[in-house]
Amino acid sequence: IFFSLEDRRKTFAFVEFNTKREAEAAVEEKFGTLLNGCRLNVVSAKKKTWRPTNKPSNEIFIGSLPYGTQQMDVANIMEAHGEVTGILMHKAQLPGSNSYAFVRFEKL
C-alpha cells in the first residue's frame, strides 16, 4: 500500500495474484467498487523495463525489513535524512520473511 504522509487521498496498492486469470477477474469484478466512500480504480499493472539512468532520484529502496515492520516505523527511521513524503511498502505475510519499501523524500 502506498501511503502518502501529505495527503491520504493519494493511496494505492499493488496486489500480486498467483495467476493472470485471478488478476483479470479481480480487475473486472472490483473496478469501481466503493471502499470507505471512494471508488476504486482497479487496473492491471503494466510491466516496465528497467533502464539505467544518470538522473538523481528522491526515492530509495529499503530491503530486508523485518516481519511486522510498519510504514510509520520506516518513516520514523528515515526522517533524519529529509522529509519523507511517501512510502510504498510490501509487507511480509509470514513470520520469518522480510518486507521491503520504497521511500520518497521531498527533496533530493
Protein backbone atom coordinates (compact mmCIF):
# COMPACT_ATOMS: atom_id res chain seq x y z
CA ILE A 1 0.00 0.00 0.00
CA PHE A 2 1.35 3.40 -0.90
CA PHE A 3 0.74 5.79 1.93
CA SER A 4 1.22 9.49 1.34
CA LEU A 5 2.18 11.30 4.51
CA GLU A 6 0.93 14.56 3.00
CA ASP A 7 -2.40 13.55 1.52
CA ARG A 8 -4.31 10.40 2.46
CA ARG A 9 -6.22 10.65 -0.85
CA LYS A 10 -3.02 9.58 -2.65
CA THR A 11 -3.16 5.98 -1.52
CA PHE A 12 -2.79 2.94 -3.75
CA ALA A 13 -1.81 -0.68 -3.53
CA PHE A 14 -0.15 -3.29 -5.68
CA VAL A 15 -1.71 -6.73 -5.33
CA GLU A 16 0.00 -9.89 -6.56
CA PHE A 17 -2.02 -12.90 -7.72
CA ASN A 18 -0.93 -16.47 -8.38
CA THR A 19 -2.31 -16.47 -11.92
CA LYS A 20 -3.04 -13.97 -14.65
CA ARG A 21 -6.68 -15.15 -14.70
CA GLU A 22 -7.10 -14.30 -11.00
CA ALA A 23 -5.73 -10.83 -11.64
CA GLU A 24 -8.02 -10.30 -14.64
CA ALA A 25 -11.04 -11.42 -12.59
CA ALA A 26 -10.15 -9.00 -9.78
CA VAL A 27 -9.88 -6.10 -12.24
CA GLU A 28 -13.20 -7.00 -13.84
CA GLU A 29 -15.07 -7.52 -10.57
CA LYS A 30 -13.58 -4.77 -8.40
CA PHE A 31 -13.23 -1.78 -10.75
CA GLY A 32 -15.48 0.98 -9.39
CA THR A 33 -16.15 -0.80 -6.08
CA LEU A 34 -16.72 1.56 -3.16
CA LEU A 35 -14.18 1.41 -0.33
CA ASN A 36 -14.57 3.87 2.55
CA GLY A 37 -16.64 6.13 0.30
CA CYS A 38 -14.16 6.15 -2.59
CA ARG A 39 -14.50 4.36 -5.93
CA LEU A 40 -11.59 2.06 -6.64
CA ASN A 41 -9.70 2.40 -9.90
CA VAL A 42 -8.57 -1.22 -10.31
CA VAL A 43 -6.39 -1.81 -13.37
CA SER A 44 -3.73 -4.27 -14.49
CA ALA A 45 -0.18 -3.13 -13.82
CA LYS A 46 1.93 -2.57 -16.90
CA LYS A 47 5.31 -4.22 -16.87
CA LYS A 48 8.09 -1.70 -17.38
CA THR A 49 11.58 -2.49 -18.46
CA TRP A 50 14.38 -1.20 -16.31
CA ARG A 51 16.51 1.44 -17.98
CA PRO A 52 19.68 2.77 -16.43
CA THR A 53 19.59 6.47 -15.78
CA ASN A 54 22.01 9.09 -14.61
CA LYS A 55 19.21 11.23 -13.24
CA PRO A 56 19.24 11.66 -9.47
CA SER A 57 16.19 10.39 -7.63
CA ASN A 58 14.43 11.37 -4.44
CA GLU A 59 13.33 7.74 -3.94
CA ILE A 60 15.25 4.93 -2.27
CA PHE A 61 14.69 1.19 -1.84
CA ILE A 62 14.99 -0.47 1.57
CA GLY A 63 15.08 -4.26 1.68
CA SER A 64 15.21 -6.91 4.40
CA LEU A 65 12.77 -5.11 6.68
CA PRO A 66 11.81 -7.50 9.48
CA TYR A 67 8.36 -9.07 9.73
CA GLY A 68 5.94 -6.73 11.48
CA THR A 69 7.61 -3.50 10.30
CA GLN A 70 5.02 -0.78 9.73
CA GLN A 71 5.12 2.21 7.36
CA MET A 72 5.46 4.64 10.25
CA ASP A 73 8.48 2.66 11.53
CA VAL A 74 10.17 3.28 8.18
CA ALA A 75 9.13 6.94 8.15
CA ASN A 76 10.49 7.47 11.67
CA ILE A 77 13.85 5.92 10.79
CA MET A 78 14.26 7.81 7.51
CA GLU A 79 13.05 11.28 8.60
CA ALA A 80 16.55 12.05 9.91
CA HIS A 81 17.63 12.15 6.24
CA GLY A 82 14.92 14.50 4.98
CA GLU A 83 11.18 15.00 4.84
CA VAL A 84 9.50 11.72 3.86
CA THR A 85 6.51 12.34 1.57
CA GLY A 86 5.52 8.78 0.74
CA ILE A 87 6.21 5.12 1.33
CA LEU A 88 5.37 2.18 -0.95
CA MET A 89 5.70 -0.92 1.18
CA HIS A 90 5.34 -4.64 0.60
CA LYS A 91 4.64 -6.24 3.96
CA ALA A 92 5.85 -9.76 4.67
CA GLN A 93 2.96 -12.17 5.02
CA LEU A 94 4.64 -14.73 7.30
CA PRO A 95 6.90 -14.52 10.35
CA GLY A 96 10.50 -15.07 9.28
CA SER A 97 10.00 -13.40 5.90
CA ASN A 98 11.09 -9.86 5.08
CA SER A 99 9.32 -6.75 3.86
CA TYR A 100 10.64 -4.03 1.56
CA ALA A 101 9.80 -0.41 0.92
CA PHE A 102 10.36 2.44 -1.48
CA VAL A 103 10.70 5.75 0.34
CA ARG A 104 10.14 9.11 -1.35
CA PHE A 105 11.71 12.27 0.06
CA GLU A 106 10.56 15.85 -0.52
CA LYS A 107 13.97 16.90 -1.92
CA LEU A 108 16.95 15.19 -3.49
